[in-house]
Amino acid sequence: MNNLEGKFIVLDGPDGCGKSTQAELLSKWVELQGVSVATFRDPGTTAIGEKVRDILLDIAHESMTANTEMLLYMAARAQLWAEEIEPALEAGKCVIMDRWISSTFAYQGYAGKLGTEKVLEVAQHSLERIWPEVTIVLDVDTETAAKRMDRELDRMEQKGKDFHAKVREGFLRLADLGQDVTVIDATQTIDAIHEQVIAAIEEI
């Protein structure tokens, strides 16, 4: 399991798919293998990133365009990479992220109709690294996801059923890119999903 040192792993998927829960379980599993783990919030973690997060998720900013969203997400990630992710990887830690470029691909590029190719092109010019060793997409239908989000929704979460159905389609299209993307059915039990997450990582 020393192969996990200095590796970058992303869990992603539609809102309500259980990313945070699975990221926490995965972090504990990696630590049990004797490897140090670093987790960060995307967008967020850094002082700049947290301010960007507030702007992005504030329901008062209803008129924000998909292009503006994309650029703000990229800016927050660029800062997060420089301050936290790159140093953690260089120190031999396994970095586990809940969201990364895959989210912008699905939300702004596909569902937001900005264009997935445009998102990836901007990412190439904005980020030191676009793709992690593996992206694990937790797939869930919109009805199940909505039932799980029993709380006040942020601006992105309030975009409506049709939008989030498109987001799901966008995540599923990630597998066509050949970037070590694994799709897991997230309607299963938490333990069953966790086992498949570990299996996917061990395989890669």
N, C-alpha and C. Protein backbone atom coordinates (compact mmCIF):
# COMPACT_ATOMS: atom_id res chain seq x y z
N MET A 1 0.81 -1.22 0.00
CA MET A 1 0.00 0.00 0.00
C MET A 1 0.84 1.26 0.00
N ASN A 2 2.20 1.12 0.01
CA ASN A 2 3.04 2.30 -0.11
C ASN A 2 2.78 3.02 -1.44
N ASN A 3 2.15 2.31 -2.38
CA ASN A 3 1.82 2.92 -3.66
C ASN A 3 0.82 4.06 -3.49
N LEU A 4 0.19 4.16 -2.35
CA LEU A 4 -0.77 5.24 -2.09
C LEU A 4 -0.07 6.54 -1.71
N GLU A 5 1.20 6.47 -1.38
CA GLU A 5 1.93 7.68 -0.99
C GLU A 5 2.08 8.62 -2.18
N GLY A 6 1.76 9.89 -1.97
CA GLY A 6 1.89 10.87 -3.03
C GLY A 6 0.87 10.72 -4.14
N LYS A 7 -0.24 10.05 -3.84
CA LYS A 7 -1.27 9.86 -4.86
C LYS A 7 -2.44 10.80 -4.64
N PHE A 8 -3.10 11.14 -5.74
CA PHE A 8 -4.19 12.11 -5.75
C PHE A 8 -5.47 11.37 -6.16
N ILE A 9 -6.45 11.29 -5.26
CA ILE A 9 -7.69 10.55 -5.49
C ILE A 9 -8.88 11.48 -5.33
N VAL A 10 -9.81 11.41 -6.27
CA VAL A 10 -10.99 12.29 -6.24
C VAL A 10 -12.26 11.45 -6.22
N LEU A 11 -13.16 11.79 -5.32
CA LEU A 11 -14.51 11.24 -5.33
C LEU A 11 -15.45 12.35 -5.77
N ASP A 12 -16.31 12.05 -6.73
CA ASP A 12 -17.16 13.09 -7.28
C ASP A 12 -18.52 12.50 -7.66
N GLY A 13 -19.42 13.38 -8.05
CA GLY A 13 -20.75 12.95 -8.44
C GLY A 13 -21.78 14.02 -8.13
N PRO A 14 -23.03 13.78 -8.48
CA PRO A 14 -24.09 14.76 -8.25
C PRO A 14 -24.28 15.05 -6.77
N ASP A 15 -24.86 16.20 -6.47
CA ASP A 15 -25.19 16.54 -5.09
C ASP A 15 -26.09 15.44 -4.51
N GLY A 16 -25.75 15.00 -3.30
CA GLY A 16 -26.55 13.97 -2.66
C GLY A 16 -26.09 12.55 -2.94
N CYS A 17 -24.94 12.40 -3.61
CA CYS A 17 -24.48 11.05 -3.96
C CYS A 17 -23.71 10.38 -2.82
N GLY A 18 -23.33 11.14 -1.81
CA GLY A 18 -22.61 10.56 -0.67
C GLY A 18 -21.10 10.72 -0.73
N LYS A 19 -20.62 11.70 -1.49
CA LYS A 19 -19.17 11.92 -1.65
C LYS A 19 -18.46 12.13 -0.31
N SER A 20 -19.01 13.01 0.51
CA SER A 20 -18.35 13.34 1.77
C SER A 20 -18.22 12.13 2.68
N THR A 21 -19.27 11.33 2.75
CA THR A 21 -19.25 10.12 3.57
C THR A 21 -18.19 9.15 3.07
N GLN A 22 -18.15 8.93 1.76
CA GLN A 22 -17.20 7.99 1.20
C GLN A 22 -15.76 8.51 1.27
N ALA A 23 -15.58 9.81 1.15
CA ALA A 23 -14.24 10.38 1.28
C ALA A 23 -13.71 10.18 2.69
N GLU A 24 -14.58 10.33 3.67
CA GLU A 24 -14.18 10.12 5.06
C GLU A 24 -13.82 8.66 5.32
N LEU A 25 -14.64 7.75 4.82
CA LEU A 25 -14.36 6.32 4.99
C LEU A 25 -13.07 5.92 4.29
N LEU A 26 -12.86 6.46 3.09
CA LEU A 26 -11.64 6.14 2.35
C LEU A 26 -10.41 6.67 3.07
N SER A 27 -10.52 7.88 3.62
CA SER A 27 -9.40 8.45 4.36
C SER A 27 -8.99 7.56 5.53
N LYS A 28 -9.96 7.07 6.25
CA LYS A 28 -9.68 6.19 7.39
C LYS A 28 -9.04 4.89 6.92
N TRP A 29 -9.50 4.36 5.79
CA TRP A 29 -8.95 3.12 5.25
C TRP A 29 -7.49 3.31 4.84
N VAL A 30 -7.20 4.42 4.17
CA VAL A 30 -5.81 4.69 3.74
C VAL A 30 -4.90 4.83 4.96
N GLU A 31 -5.38 5.51 5.98
CA GLU A 31 -4.58 5.66 7.20
C GLU A 31 -4.29 4.31 7.84
N LEU A 32 -5.24 3.39 7.76
CA LEU A 32 -5.03 2.04 8.30
C LEU A 32 -3.96 1.28 7.52
N GLN A 33 -3.70 1.72 6.30
CA GLN A 33 -2.62 1.10 5.52
C GLN A 33 -1.26 1.71 5.88
N GLY A 34 -1.26 2.66 6.80
CA GLY A 34 -0.01 3.28 7.24
C GLY A 34 0.43 4.45 6.40
N VAL A 35 -0.49 5.04 5.64
CA VAL A 35 -0.17 6.17 4.77
C VAL A 35 -0.88 7.43 5.28
N SER A 36 -0.15 8.53 5.37
CA SER A 36 -0.73 9.80 5.81
C SER A 36 -1.68 10.33 4.76
N VAL A 37 -2.77 10.92 5.23
CA VAL A 37 -3.82 11.41 4.34
C VAL A 37 -4.01 12.92 4.51
N ALA A 38 -4.30 13.59 3.41
CA ALA A 38 -4.66 15.01 3.45
C ALA A 38 -5.96 15.19 2.68
N THR A 39 -6.91 15.88 3.27
CA THR A 39 -8.18 16.16 2.59
C THR A 39 -8.43 17.67 2.62
N PHE A 40 -8.99 18.17 1.53
CA PHE A 40 -9.26 19.60 1.43
C PHE A 40 -10.63 19.84 0.82
N ARG A 41 -11.16 21.03 1.05
CA ARG A 41 -12.48 21.39 0.55
C ARG A 41 -12.34 22.13 -0.78
N ASP A 42 -13.11 21.68 -1.78
CA ASP A 42 -13.07 22.29 -3.11
C ASP A 42 -14.48 22.73 -3.51
N PRO A 43 -14.69 24.04 -3.69
CA PRO A 43 -13.74 25.13 -3.44
C PRO A 43 -13.65 25.45 -1.95
N GLY A 44 -12.52 25.99 -1.57
CA GLY A 44 -12.36 26.38 -0.17
C GLY A 44 -10.98 26.08 0.36
N THR A 45 -10.91 25.83 1.67
CA THR A 45 -9.70 25.50 2.43
C THR A 45 -8.79 26.72 2.63
N THR A 46 -8.32 27.32 1.53
CA THR A 46 -7.47 28.50 1.65
C THR A 46 -8.34 29.73 1.93
N ALA A 47 -7.70 30.79 2.42
CA ALA A 47 -8.45 32.02 2.70
C ALA A 47 -9.13 32.55 1.44
N ILE A 48 -8.40 32.53 0.33
CA ILE A 48 -8.96 32.99 -0.94
C ILE A 48 -10.07 32.05 -1.39
N GLY A 49 -9.82 30.76 -1.30
CA GLY A 49 -10.79 29.77 -1.73
C GLY A 49 -12.11 29.84 -0.98
N GLU A 50 -12.03 30.13 0.31
CA GLU A 50 -13.25 30.22 1.11
C GLU A 50 -14.10 31.42 0.70
N LYS A 51 -13.43 32.52 0.37
CA LYS A 51 -14.17 33.70 -0.10
C LYS A 51 -14.83 33.42 -1.45
N VAL A 52 -14.10 32.72 -2.33
CA VAL A 52 -14.67 32.34 -3.62
C VAL A 52 -15.86 31.41 -3.42
N ARG A 53 -15.74 30.48 -2.48
CA ARG A 53 -16.83 29.55 -2.18
C ARG A 53 -18.09 30.31 -1.76
N ASP A 54 -17.92 31.30 -0.90
CA ASP A 54 -19.06 32.09 -0.44
C ASP A 54 -19.77 32.76 -1.61
N ILE A 55 -18.98 33.29 -2.54
CA ILE A 55 -19.56 33.95 -3.71
C ILE A 55 -20.32 32.95 -4.59
N LEU A 56 -19.71 31.80 -4.82
CA LEU A 56 -20.31 30.80 -5.70
C LEU A 56 -21.62 30.23 -5.17
N LEU A 57 -21.70 30.00 -3.86
CA LEU A 57 -22.84 29.29 -3.30
C LEU A 57 -23.92 30.18 -2.71
N ASP A 58 -23.67 31.49 -2.68
CA ASP A 58 -24.63 32.42 -2.12
C ASP A 58 -25.86 32.51 -3.04
N ILE A 59 -27.04 32.25 -2.48
CA ILE A 59 -28.27 32.26 -3.29
C ILE A 59 -28.59 33.67 -3.81
N ALA A 60 -27.94 34.69 -3.25
CA ALA A 60 -28.17 36.06 -3.73
C ALA A 60 -27.59 36.27 -5.12
N HIS A 61 -26.67 35.39 -5.54
CA HIS A 61 -26.00 35.56 -6.83
C HIS A 61 -26.67 34.69 -7.91
N GLU A 62 -27.94 34.79 -7.99
CA GLU A 62 -28.73 33.96 -8.90
C GLU A 62 -28.38 34.22 -10.36
N SER A 63 -27.94 35.43 -10.69
CA SER A 63 -27.68 35.79 -12.08
C SER A 63 -26.30 35.36 -12.58
N MET A 64 -25.50 34.71 -11.74
CA MET A 64 -24.15 34.33 -12.13
C MET A 64 -24.19 33.36 -13.32
N THR A 65 -23.36 33.60 -14.31
CA THR A 65 -23.32 32.77 -15.51
C THR A 65 -22.42 31.54 -15.30
N ALA A 66 -22.61 30.55 -16.16
CA ALA A 66 -21.79 29.34 -16.09
C ALA A 66 -20.31 29.67 -16.33
N ASN A 67 -20.05 30.65 -17.19
CA ASN A 67 -18.67 31.04 -17.48
C ASN A 67 -18.01 31.63 -16.23
N THR A 68 -18.74 32.48 -15.52
CA THR A 68 -18.22 33.06 -14.29
C THR A 68 -17.98 31.98 -13.24
N GLU A 69 -18.92 31.05 -13.13
CA GLU A 69 -18.76 29.93 -12.19
C GLU A 69 -17.49 29.16 -12.49
N MET A 70 -17.29 28.82 -13.75
CA MET A 70 -16.12 28.05 -14.13
C MET A 70 -14.82 28.76 -13.74
N LEU A 71 -14.74 30.05 -14.06
CA LEU A 71 -13.52 30.80 -13.77
C LEU A 71 -13.26 30.92 -12.27
N LEU A 72 -14.32 31.08 -11.49
CA LEU A 72 -14.16 31.16 -10.04
C LEU A 72 -13.70 29.83 -9.46
N TYR A 73 -14.29 28.74 -9.94
CA TYR A 73 -13.86 27.41 -9.47
C TYR A 73 -12.40 27.17 -9.81
N MET A 74 -11.99 27.54 -11.00
CA MET A 74 -10.59 27.34 -11.41
C MET A 74 -9.65 28.17 -10.55
N ALA A 75 -10.05 29.40 -10.25
CA ALA A 75 -9.21 30.26 -9.43
C ALA A 75 -9.02 29.67 -8.03
N ALA A 76 -10.12 29.19 -7.45
CA ALA A 76 -10.04 28.60 -6.12
C ALA A 76 -9.14 27.36 -6.14
N ARG A 77 -9.23 26.55 -7.18
CA ARG A 77 -8.42 25.33 -7.28
C ARG A 77 -6.94 25.66 -7.48
N ALA A 78 -6.66 26.68 -8.28
CA ALA A 78 -5.27 27.06 -8.50
C ALA A 78 -4.61 27.45 -7.18
N GLN A 79 -5.33 28.19 -6.35
CA GLN A 79 -4.80 28.59 -5.05
C GLN A 79 -4.67 27.39 -4.12
N LEU A 80 -5.67 26.51 -4.15
CA LEU A 80 -5.64 25.32 -3.30
C LEU A 80 -4.47 24.41 -3.68
N TRP A 81 -4.23 24.28 -4.96
CA TRP A 81 -3.10 23.45 -5.41
C TRP A 81 -1.78 24.01 -4.88
N ALA A 82 -1.59 25.31 -5.06
CA ALA A 82 -0.32 25.93 -4.67
C ALA A 82 -0.08 25.89 -3.16
N GLU A 83 -1.14 26.15 -2.39
CA GLU A 83 -0.99 26.24 -0.94
C GLU A 83 -1.01 24.90 -0.22
N GLU A 84 -1.83 23.99 -0.72
CA GLU A 84 -2.08 22.77 0.06
C GLU A 84 -1.82 21.45 -0.67
N ILE A 85 -2.39 21.30 -1.85
CA ILE A 85 -2.34 19.98 -2.49
C ILE A 85 -0.93 19.60 -2.92
N GLU A 86 -0.25 20.47 -3.64
CA GLU A 86 1.09 20.14 -4.11
C GLU A 86 2.05 19.85 -2.96
N PRO A 87 2.09 20.69 -1.91
CA PRO A 87 2.98 20.37 -0.78
C PRO A 87 2.64 19.03 -0.12
N ALA A 88 1.36 18.71 -0.03
CA ALA A 88 0.95 17.44 0.59
C ALA A 88 1.43 16.26 -0.25
N LEU A 89 1.27 16.34 -1.56
CA LEU A 89 1.72 15.27 -2.44
C LEU A 89 3.24 15.11 -2.39
N GLU A 90 3.96 16.22 -2.37
CA GLU A 90 5.42 16.17 -2.31
C GLU A 90 5.91 15.59 -0.99
N ALA A 91 5.08 15.72 0.06
CA ALA A 91 5.42 15.16 1.37
C ALA A 91 5.06 13.68 1.46
N GLY A 92 4.54 13.12 0.38
CA GLY A 92 4.21 11.71 0.36
C GLY A 92 2.84 11.37 0.91
N LYS A 93 2.00 12.36 1.10
CA LYS A 93 0.66 12.10 1.60
C LYS A 93 -0.27 11.69 0.46
N CYS A 94 -1.28 10.93 0.81
CA CYS A 94 -2.33 10.59 -0.14
C CYS A 94 -3.40 11.66 -0.03
N VAL A 95 -3.64 12.39 -1.11
CA VAL A 95 -4.62 13.47 -1.10
C VAL A 95 -5.96 12.93 -1.61
N ILE A 96 -6.99 13.07 -0.78
CA ILE A 96 -8.33 12.61 -1.15
C ILE A 96 -9.25 13.82 -1.21
N MET A 97 -9.81 14.06 -2.38
CA MET A 97 -10.64 15.24 -2.59
C MET A 97 -12.08 14.87 -2.85
N ASP A 98 -12.97 15.65 -2.28
CA ASP A 98 -14.40 15.58 -2.55
C ASP A 98 -14.66 16.70 -3.56
N ARG A 99 -14.63 16.35 -4.86
CA ARG A 99 -14.77 17.23 -6.03
C ARG A 99 -13.40 17.67 -6.55
N TRP A 100 -13.37 17.91 -7.87
CA TRP A 100 -12.21 18.49 -8.55
C TRP A 100 -12.68 18.91 -9.93
N ILE A 101 -11.84 18.85 -10.94
CA ILE A 101 -12.19 19.33 -12.27
C ILE A 101 -13.39 18.58 -12.84
N SER A 102 -13.58 17.35 -12.41
CA SER A 102 -14.72 16.55 -12.86
C SER A 102 -16.05 17.24 -12.58
N SER A 103 -16.13 17.97 -11.47
CA SER A 103 -17.36 18.69 -11.14
C SER A 103 -17.63 19.81 -12.13
N THR A 104 -16.62 20.57 -12.48
CA THR A 104 -16.80 21.67 -13.43
C THR A 104 -17.13 21.12 -14.81
N PHE A 105 -16.55 19.99 -15.16
CA PHE A 105 -16.87 19.31 -16.41
C PHE A 105 -18.37 19.03 -16.48
N ALA A 106 -18.92 18.48 -15.38
CA ALA A 106 -20.33 18.08 -15.38
C ALA A 106 -21.29 19.24 -15.17
N TYR A 107 -20.97 20.11 -14.20
CA TYR A 107 -21.90 21.19 -13.84
C TYR A 107 -21.89 22.34 -14.84
N GLN A 108 -20.73 22.93 -15.06
CA GLN A 108 -20.68 24.09 -15.95
C GLN A 108 -20.52 23.68 -17.42
N GLY A 109 -19.65 22.70 -17.66
CA GLY A 109 -19.39 22.30 -19.04
C GLY A 109 -20.56 21.61 -19.71
N TYR A 110 -21.14 20.62 -19.02
CA TYR A 110 -22.22 19.84 -19.64
C TYR A 110 -23.60 20.40 -19.29
N ALA A 111 -23.96 20.40 -18.02
CA ALA A 111 -25.29 20.88 -17.63
C ALA A 111 -25.46 22.37 -17.89
N GLY A 112 -24.37 23.15 -17.68
CA GLY A 112 -24.42 24.59 -17.89
C GLY A 112 -24.24 25.01 -19.33
N LYS A 113 -24.01 24.01 -20.22
CA LYS A 113 -23.91 24.22 -21.66
C LYS A 113 -22.75 25.13 -22.07
N LEU A 114 -21.74 25.21 -21.19
CA LEU A 114 -20.57 26.00 -21.53
C LEU A 114 -19.69 25.25 -22.53
N GLY A 115 -19.77 23.93 -22.46
CA GLY A 115 -18.95 23.08 -23.34
C GLY A 115 -17.86 22.40 -22.54
N THR A 116 -17.85 21.08 -22.57
CA THR A 116 -16.84 20.34 -21.79
C THR A 116 -15.44 20.57 -22.32
N GLU A 117 -15.30 20.73 -23.62
CA GLU A 117 -13.98 20.98 -24.19
C GLU A 117 -13.42 22.32 -23.72
N LYS A 118 -14.30 23.32 -23.61
CA LYS A 118 -13.86 24.62 -23.14
C LYS A 118 -13.39 24.53 -21.69
N VAL A 119 -14.13 23.79 -20.87
CA VAL A 119 -13.75 23.62 -19.46
C VAL A 119 -12.36 22.99 -19.36
N LEU A 120 -12.12 21.94 -20.13
CA LEU A 120 -10.82 21.27 -20.07
C LEU A 120 -9.69 22.14 -20.61
N GLU A 121 -10.00 22.95 -21.62
CA GLU A 121 -8.98 23.86 -22.16
C GLU A 121 -8.60 24.92 -21.13
N VAL A 122 -9.60 25.50 -20.46
CA VAL A 122 -9.31 26.50 -19.43
C VAL A 122 -8.55 25.85 -18.27
N ALA A 123 -8.92 24.62 -17.93
CA ALA A 123 -8.23 23.92 -16.85
C ALA A 123 -6.75 23.71 -17.17
N GLN A 124 -6.45 23.41 -18.44
CA GLN A 124 -5.05 23.20 -18.84
C GLN A 124 -4.21 24.46 -18.63
N HIS A 125 -4.83 25.60 -18.82
CA HIS A 125 -4.11 26.87 -18.66
C HIS A 125 -4.15 27.38 -17.22
N SER A 126 -5.03 26.83 -16.39
CA SER A 126 -5.22 27.35 -15.04
C SER A 126 -4.59 26.50 -13.95
N LEU A 127 -4.54 25.19 -14.17
CA LEU A 127 -4.13 24.28 -13.12
C LEU A 127 -2.83 23.57 -13.45
N GLU A 128 -2.03 23.32 -12.43
CA GLU A 128 -0.79 22.57 -12.61
C GLU A 128 -1.08 21.13 -12.97
N ARG A 129 -2.19 20.64 -12.47
CA ARG A 129 -2.57 19.25 -12.76
C ARG A 129 -4.09 19.16 -12.87
N ILE A 130 -4.55 18.55 -13.96
CA ILE A 130 -5.99 18.45 -14.17
C ILE A 130 -6.55 17.16 -13.57
N TRP A 131 -5.94 16.03 -13.94
CA TRP A 131 -6.50 14.74 -13.56
C TRP A 131 -5.75 14.09 -12.42
N PRO A 132 -6.48 13.50 -11.48
CA PRO A 132 -5.86 12.73 -10.40
C PRO A 132 -5.47 11.33 -10.90
N GLU A 133 -4.92 10.50 -10.01
CA GLU A 133 -4.65 9.11 -10.40
C GLU A 133 -5.96 8.39 -10.74
N VAL A 134 -6.99 8.69 -9.98
CA VAL A 134 -8.30 8.08 -10.24
C VAL A 134 -9.41 9.04 -9.82
N THR A 135 -10.45 9.08 -10.63
CA THR A 135 -11.68 9.81 -10.28
C THR A 135 -12.78 8.77 -10.11
N ILE A 136 -13.37 8.73 -8.93
CA ILE A 136 -14.46 7.79 -8.66
C ILE A 136 -15.77 8.57 -8.65
N VAL A 137 -16.62 8.28 -9.61
CA VAL A 137 -17.91 8.95 -9.72
C VAL A 137 -18.97 8.10 -9.02
N LEU A 138 -19.63 8.69 -8.05
CA LEU A 138 -20.72 8.02 -7.34
C LEU A 138 -22.02 8.42 -8.03
N ASP A 139 -22.59 7.49 -8.74
CA ASP A 139 -23.76 7.77 -9.56
C ASP A 139 -25.05 7.55 -8.79
N VAL A 140 -25.95 8.53 -8.85
CA VAL A 140 -27.24 8.42 -8.17
C VAL A 140 -28.28 9.19 -8.98
N ASP A 141 -29.51 8.66 -9.02
CA ASP A 141 -30.57 9.33 -9.76
C ASP A 141 -31.03 10.58 -8.99
N THR A 142 -31.67 11.51 -9.70
CA THR A 142 -32.03 12.79 -9.11
C THR A 142 -33.04 12.66 -7.97
N GLU A 143 -33.96 11.70 -8.09
CA GLU A 143 -34.97 11.53 -7.05
C GLU A 143 -34.33 11.08 -5.73
N THR A 144 -33.46 10.09 -5.81
CA THR A 144 -32.77 9.60 -4.60
C THR A 144 -31.90 10.68 -4.00
N ALA A 145 -31.18 11.41 -4.86
CA ALA A 145 -30.29 12.48 -4.38
C ALA A 145 -31.08 13.55 -3.66
N ALA A 146 -32.24 13.95 -4.22
CA ALA A 146 -33.05 15.01 -3.61
C ALA A 146 -33.54 14.61 -2.22
N LYS A 147 -33.90 13.34 -2.05
CA LYS A 147 -34.39 12.87 -0.76
C LYS A 147 -33.28 12.91 0.30
N ARG A 148 -32.05 12.76 -0.13
CA ARG A 148 -30.93 12.74 0.82
C ARG A 148 -30.55 14.13 1.31
N MET A 149 -30.89 15.16 0.55
CA MET A 149 -30.49 16.52 0.91
C MET A 149 -31.56 17.22 1.74
N ASP A 150 -31.73 16.75 2.94
CA ASP A 150 -32.74 17.29 3.86
C ASP A 150 -32.15 18.44 4.65
N ARG A 151 -31.90 19.55 3.95
CA ARG A 151 -31.28 20.72 4.57
C ARG A 151 -31.51 21.92 3.65
N GLU A 152 -31.04 23.08 4.10
CA GLU A 152 -31.15 24.28 3.27
C GLU A 152 -30.17 24.16 2.11
N LEU A 153 -30.65 24.37 0.89
CA LEU A 153 -29.82 24.19 -0.29
C LEU A 153 -29.08 25.46 -0.67
N ASP A 154 -27.84 25.29 -1.18
CA ASP A 154 -27.07 26.45 -1.64
C ASP A 154 -27.48 26.78 -3.09
N ARG A 155 -26.83 27.79 -3.68
CA ARG A 155 -27.22 28.28 -5.00
C ARG A 155 -27.09 27.20 -6.07
N MET A 156 -26.04 26.42 -6.04
CA MET A 156 -25.85 25.38 -7.03
C MET A 156 -26.87 24.26 -6.86
N GLU A 157 -27.17 23.93 -5.62
CA GLU A 157 -28.12 22.85 -5.35
C GLU A 157 -29.55 23.22 -5.72
N GLN A 158 -29.84 24.53 -5.80
CA GLN A 158 -31.19 24.99 -6.08
C GLN A 158 -31.51 25.10 -7.57
N LYS A 159 -30.65 24.60 -8.42
CA LYS A 159 -30.81 24.83 -9.86
C LYS A 159 -31.91 24.01 -10.53
N GLY A 160 -32.52 23.09 -9.82
CA GLY A 160 -33.67 22.40 -10.37
C GLY A 160 -33.39 20.99 -10.87
N LYS A 161 -34.48 20.23 -10.97
CA LYS A 161 -34.39 18.81 -11.32
C LYS A 161 -33.78 18.59 -12.70
N ASP A 162 -34.21 19.35 -13.70
CA ASP A 162 -33.70 19.16 -15.06
C ASP A 162 -32.20 19.42 -15.12
N PHE A 163 -31.76 20.47 -14.45
CA PHE A 163 -30.33 20.80 -14.44
C PHE A 163 -29.54 19.65 -13.82
N HIS A 164 -29.99 19.15 -12.68
CA HIS A 164 -29.25 18.10 -11.99
C HIS A 164 -29.30 16.77 -12.73
N ALA A 165 -30.35 16.55 -13.52
CA ALA A 165 -30.38 15.37 -14.38
C ALA A 165 -29.27 15.46 -15.43
N LYS A 166 -29.05 16.68 -15.95
CA LYS A 166 -27.97 16.91 -16.91
C LYS A 166 -26.61 16.76 -16.25
N VAL A 167 -26.50 17.20 -15.00
CA VAL A 167 -25.25 17.03 -14.26
C VAL A 167 -24.89 15.56 -14.18
N ARG A 168 -25.88 14.74 -13.86
CA ARG A 168 -25.63 13.30 -13.79
C ARG A 168 -25.13 12.77 -15.12
N GLU A 169 -25.76 13.19 -16.22
CA GLU A 169 -25.32 12.77 -17.55
C GLU A 169 -23.87 13.18 -17.79
N GLY A 170 -23.53 14.40 -17.35
CA GLY A 170 -22.17 14.90 -17.53
C GLY A 170 -21.15 14.04 -16.81
N PHE A 171 -21.46 13.66 -15.58
CA PHE A 171 -20.54 12.80 -14.83
C PHE A 171 -20.36 11.45 -15.52
N LEU A 172 -21.44 10.89 -16.05
CA LEU A 172 -21.34 9.60 -16.72
C LEU A 172 -20.51 9.69 -18.00
N ARG A 173 -20.50 10.86 -18.63
CA ARG A 173 -19.71 11.05 -19.85
C ARG A 173 -18.21 11.14 -19.55
N LEU A 174 -17.86 11.37 -18.30
CA LEU A 174 -16.45 11.43 -17.92
C LEU A 174 -15.73 10.13 -18.26
N ALA A 175 -16.43 9.03 -18.12
CA ALA A 175 -15.82 7.72 -18.36
C ALA A 175 -15.34 7.59 -19.81
N ASP A 176 -15.90 8.38 -20.73
CA ASP A 176 -15.52 8.31 -22.14
C ASP A 176 -14.15 8.95 -22.40
N LEU A 177 -13.64 9.69 -21.42
CA LEU A 177 -12.39 10.42 -21.64
C LEU A 177 -11.15 9.56 -21.42
N GLY A 178 -11.32 8.40 -20.79
CA GLY A 178 -10.18 7.52 -20.57
C GLY A 178 -9.19 8.05 -19.56
N GLN A 179 -9.67 8.73 -18.53
CA GLN A 179 -8.80 9.32 -17.52
C GLN A 179 -8.91 8.57 -16.18
N ASP A 180 -8.93 7.25 -16.23
CA ASP A 180 -9.07 6.43 -15.02
C ASP A 180 -10.27 6.87 -14.20
N VAL A 181 -11.42 6.88 -14.85
CA VAL A 181 -12.68 7.22 -14.20
C VAL A 181 -13.45 5.94 -13.93
N THR A 182 -13.86 5.74 -12.68
CA THR A 182 -14.65 4.58 -12.30
C THR A 182 -16.01 5.05 -11.81
N VAL A 183 -17.08 4.46 -12.33
CA VAL A 183 -18.44 4.82 -11.93
C VAL A 183 -18.99 3.73 -11.01
N ILE A 184 -19.51 4.16 -9.85
CA ILE A 184 -20.06 3.23 -8.86
C ILE A 184 -21.51 3.61 -8.56
N ASP A 185 -22.37 2.62 -8.49
CA ASP A 185 -23.78 2.83 -8.17
C ASP A 185 -23.88 3.28 -6.70
N ALA A 186 -24.28 4.54 -6.50
CA ALA A 186 -24.33 5.11 -5.15
C ALA A 186 -25.69 4.97 -4.49
N THR A 187 -26.56 4.13 -5.07
CA THR A 187 -27.84 3.86 -4.41
C THR A 187 -27.73 2.64 -3.48
N GLN A 188 -26.55 2.03 -3.45
CA GLN A 188 -26.32 0.88 -2.59
C GLN A 188 -26.09 1.34 -1.14
N THR A 189 -25.86 0.37 -0.25
CA THR A 189 -25.56 0.71 1.14
C THR A 189 -24.20 1.39 1.21
N ILE A 190 -23.99 2.15 2.27
CA ILE A 190 -22.73 2.86 2.47
C ILE A 190 -21.55 1.88 2.46
N ASP A 191 -21.70 0.75 3.15
CA ASP A 191 -20.61 -0.23 3.22
C ASP A 191 -20.32 -0.85 1.86
N ALA A 192 -21.37 -1.13 1.09
CA ALA A 192 -21.18 -1.73 -0.23
C ALA A 192 -20.44 -0.77 -1.16
N ILE A 193 -20.81 0.50 -1.09
CA ILE A 193 -20.13 1.51 -1.91
C ILE A 193 -18.67 1.62 -1.50
N HIS A 194 -18.42 1.65 -0.20
CA HIS A 194 -17.05 1.76 0.31
C HIS A 194 -16.18 0.61 -0.19
N GLU A 195 -16.72 -0.60 -0.18
CA GLU A 195 -15.96 -1.75 -0.66
C GLU A 195 -15.61 -1.61 -2.14
N GLN A 196 -16.53 -1.08 -2.93
CA GLN A 196 -16.27 -0.91 -4.36
C GLN A 196 -15.28 0.22 -4.62
N VAL A 197 -15.31 1.25 -3.78
CA VAL A 197 -14.34 2.33 -3.89
C VAL A 197 -12.93 1.78 -3.67
N ILE A 198 -12.76 0.99 -2.62
CA ILE A 198 -11.46 0.42 -2.32
C ILE A 198 -11.01 -0.52 -3.45
N ALA A 199 -11.93 -1.32 -3.95
CA ALA A 199 -11.61 -2.24 -5.04
C ALA A 199 -11.14 -1.48 -6.27
N ALA A 200 -11.78 -0.37 -6.58
CA ALA A 200 -11.41 0.44 -7.74
C ALA A 200 -10.00 1.00 -7.58
N ILE A 201 -9.68 1.44 -6.37
CA ILE A 201 -8.36 2.02 -6.12
C ILE A 201 -7.29 0.95 -6.16
N GLU A 202 -7.58 -0.20 -5.59
CA GLU A 202 -6.60 -1.30 -5.60
C GLU A 202 -6.31 -1.76 -7.03
N GLU A 203 -7.35 -1.77 -7.86
CA GLU A 203 -7.17 -2.19 -9.25
C GLU A 203 -6.25 -1.26 -10.01
N ILE A 204 -6.43 0.05 -9.79
CA ILE A 204 -5.63 1.03 -10.52
C ILE A 204 -4.23 1.15 -9.93
